[in-house]
PDB file of N, CA and C in Angstrom:
ATOM      1  N   MET A   1     -23.715   4.196  13.572  1.00  0.00           N
ATOM      2  CA  MET A   1     -22.885   2.981  13.522  1.00  0.00           C
ATOM      3  C   MET A   1     -21.693   3.109  14.481  1.00  0.00           C
ATOM      4  N   ASP A   2     -21.456   2.058  15.235  1.00  0.00           N
ATOM      5  CA  ASP A   2     -20.300   2.059  16.130  1.00  0.00           C
ATOM      6  C   ASP A   2     -19.037   1.783  15.325  1.00  0.00           C
ATOM      7  N   GLN A   3     -17.987   2.553  15.600  1.00  0.00           N
ATOM      8  CA  GLN A   3     -16.762   2.412  14.805  1.00  0.00           C
ATOM      9  C   GLN A   3     -16.089   1.061  15.015  1.00  0.00           C
ATOM     10  N   SER A   4     -16.105   0.562  16.247  1.00  0.00           N
ATOM     11  CA  SER A   4     -15.472  -0.737  16.514  1.00  0.00           C
ATOM     12  C   SER A   4     -16.184  -1.844  15.748  1.00  0.00           C
ATOM     13  N   PHE A   5     -17.503  -1.697  15.585  1.00  0.00           N
ATOM     14  CA  PHE A   5     -18.264  -2.680  14.820  1.00  0.00           C
ATOM     15  C   PHE A   5     -17.843  -2.639  13.357  1.00  0.00           C
ATOM     16  N   LEU A   6     -17.635  -1.433  12.830  1.00  0.00           N
ATOM     17  CA  LEU A   6     -17.206  -1.293  11.438  1.00  0.00           C
ATOM     18  C   LEU A   6     -15.816  -1.886  11.231  1.00  0.00           C
ATOM     19  N   VAL A   7     -14.937  -1.683  12.194  1.00  0.00           N
ATOM     20  CA  VAL A   7     -13.583  -2.241  12.106  1.00  0.00           C
ATOM     21  C   VAL A   7     -13.638  -3.762  12.121  1.00  0.00           C
ATOM     22  N   MET A   8     -14.476  -4.320  13.009  1.00  0.00           N
ATOM     23  CA  MET A   8     -14.613  -5.767  13.090  1.00  0.00           C
ATOM     24  C   MET A   8     -15.182  -6.316  11.790  1.00  0.00           C
ATOM     25  N   LEU A   9     -16.156  -5.615  11.222  1.00  0.00           N
ATOM     26  CA  LEU A   9     -16.779  -6.053   9.981  1.00  0.00           C
ATOM     27  C   LEU A   9     -15.778  -6.030   8.833  1.00  0.00           C
ATOM     28  N   SER A  10     -14.988  -4.974   8.745  1.00  0.00           N
ATOM     29  CA  SER A  10     -13.997  -4.880   7.665  1.00  0.00           C
ATOM     30  C   SER A  10     -12.923  -5.954   7.820  1.00  0.00           C
ATOM     31  N   ASN A  11     -12.540  -6.252   9.064  1.00  0.00           N
ATOM     32  CA  ASN A  11     -11.561  -7.319   9.301  1.00  0.00           C
ATOM     33  C   ASN A  11     -12.116  -8.663   8.869  1.00  0.00           C
ATOM     34  N   LEU A  12     -13.397  -8.901   9.150  1.00  0.00           N
ATOM     35  CA  LEU A  12     -14.031 -10.153   8.776  1.00  0.00           C
ATOM     36  C   LEU A  12     -14.097 -10.279   7.259  1.00  0.00           C
ATOM     37  N   LEU A  13     -14.465  -9.195   6.587  1.00  0.00           N
ATOM     38  CA  LEU A  13     -14.531  -9.205   5.127  1.00  0.00           C
ATOM     39  C   LEU A  13     -13.152  -9.455   4.532  1.00  0.00           C
ATOM     40  N   HIS A  14     -12.129  -8.862   5.124  1.00  0.00           N
ATOM     41  CA  HIS A  14     -10.768  -9.045   4.630  1.00  0.00           C
ATOM     42  C   HIS A  14     -10.328 -10.501   4.772  1.00  0.00           C
ATOM     43  N   LEU A  15     -10.679 -11.122   5.896  1.00  0.00           N
ATOM     44  CA  LEU A  15     -10.336 -12.530   6.109  1.00  0.00           C
ATOM     45  C   LEU A  15     -11.059 -13.419   5.106  1.00  0.00           C
ATOM     46  N   LEU A  16     -12.335 -13.131   4.853  1.00  0.00           N
ATOM     47  CA  LEU A  16     -13.103 -13.911   3.885  1.00  0.00           C
ATOM     48  C   LEU A  16     -12.493 -13.773   2.497  1.00  0.00           C
ATOM     49  N   LEU A  17     -12.127 -12.549   2.131  1.00  0.00           N
ATOM     50  CA  LEU A  17     -11.545 -12.301   0.812  1.00  0.00           C
ATOM     51  C   LEU A  17     -10.211 -13.022   0.671  1.00  0.00           C
ATOM     52  N   GLU A  18      -9.390 -12.980   1.725  1.00  0.00           N
ATOM     53  CA  GLU A  18      -8.082 -13.645   1.674  1.00  0.00           C
ATOM     54  C   GLU A  18      -8.226 -15.151   1.527  1.00  0.00           C
ATOM     55  N   SER A  19      -9.138 -15.745   2.288  1.00  0.00           N
ATOM     56  CA  SER A  19      -9.329 -17.196   2.208  1.00  0.00           C
ATOM     57  C   SER A  19      -9.865 -17.587   0.839  1.00  0.00           C
ATOM     58  N   TRP A  20     -10.726 -16.733   0.259  1.00  0.00           N
ATOM     59  CA  TRP A  20     -11.281 -17.002  -1.072  1.00  0.00           C
ATOM     60  C   TRP A  20     -10.183 -16.952  -2.133  1.00  0.00           C
ATOM     61  N   ILE A  21      -9.285 -15.967  -2.012  1.00  0.00           N
ATOM     62  CA  ILE A  21      -8.176 -15.831  -2.963  1.00  0.00           C
ATOM     63  C   ILE A  21      -7.232 -17.026  -2.852  1.00  0.00           C
ATOM     64  N   VAL A  22      -6.924 -17.437  -1.620  1.00  0.00           N
ATOM     65  CA  VAL A  22      -6.034 -18.585  -1.410  1.00  0.00           C
ATOM     66  C   VAL A  22      -6.661 -19.852  -1.978  1.00  0.00           C
ATOM     67  N   ARG A  23      -7.967 -20.027  -1.768  1.00  0.00           N
ATOM     68  CA  ARG A  23      -8.659 -21.207  -2.276  1.00  0.00           C
ATOM     69  C   ARG A  23      -8.629 -21.220  -3.800  1.00  0.00           C
ATOM     70  N   ASN A  24      -8.867 -20.076  -4.415  1.00  0.00           N
ATOM     71  CA  ASN A  24      -8.829 -19.999  -5.876  1.00  0.00           C
ATOM     72  C   ASN A  24      -7.436 -20.297  -6.407  1.00  0.00           C
ATOM     73  N   ARG A  25      -6.411 -19.839  -5.687  1.00  0.00           N
ATOM     74  CA  ARG A  25      -5.030 -20.084  -6.112  1.00  0.00           C
ATOM     75  C   ARG A  25      -4.728 -21.577  -6.067  1.00  0.00           C
ATOM     76  N   PHE A  26      -5.193 -22.261  -5.019  1.00  0.00           N
ATOM     77  CA  PHE A  26      -4.968 -23.705  -4.912  1.00  0.00           C
ATOM     78  C   PHE A  26      -5.722 -24.446  -6.002  1.00  0.00           C
ATOM     79  N   ILE A  27      -6.931 -23.979  -6.341  1.00  0.00           N
ATOM     80  CA  ILE A  27      -7.729 -24.624  -7.392  1.00  0.00           C
ATOM     81  C   ILE A  27      -7.017 -24.477  -8.737  1.00  0.00           C
ATOM     82  N   THR A  28      -6.505 -23.291  -9.026  1.00  0.00           N
ATOM     83  CA  THR A  28      -5.817 -23.079 -10.303  1.00  0.00           C
ATOM     84  C   THR A  28      -4.515 -23.873 -10.347  1.00  0.00           C
ATOM     85  N   LEU A  29      -3.835 -24.016  -9.213  1.00  0.00           N
ATOM     86  CA  LEU A  29      -2.605 -24.813  -9.170  1.00  0.00           C
ATOM     87  C   LEU A  29      -2.918 -26.285  -9.407  1.00  0.00           C
ATOM     88  N   GLY A  30      -4.039 -26.751  -8.889  1.00  0.00           N
ATOM     89  CA  GLY A  30      -4.407 -28.151  -9.055  1.00  0.00           C
ATOM     90  C   GLY A  30      -4.826 -28.472 -10.485  1.00  0.00           C
ATOM     91  N   LYS A  31      -5.354 -27.466 -11.197  1.00  0.00           N
ATOM     92  CA  LYS A  31      -5.834 -27.716 -12.559  1.00  0.00           C
ATOM     93  C   LYS A  31      -4.687 -27.870 -13.549  1.00  0.00           C
ATOM     94  N   THR A  32      -3.590 -27.170 -13.311  1.00  0.00           N
ATOM     95  CA  THR A  32      -2.479 -27.207 -14.264  1.00  0.00           C
ATOM     96  C   THR A  32      -1.761 -28.548 -14.227  1.00  0.00           C
TER      97      THR A  32
END
């Protein structure tokens, strides 16, 4: 495995996780 590929993959996963958390936070704020 190329290390730069692993770094890019982890960055992509981190961005996906962050956007998912932000979306969930907005959904919970809208429900209250």
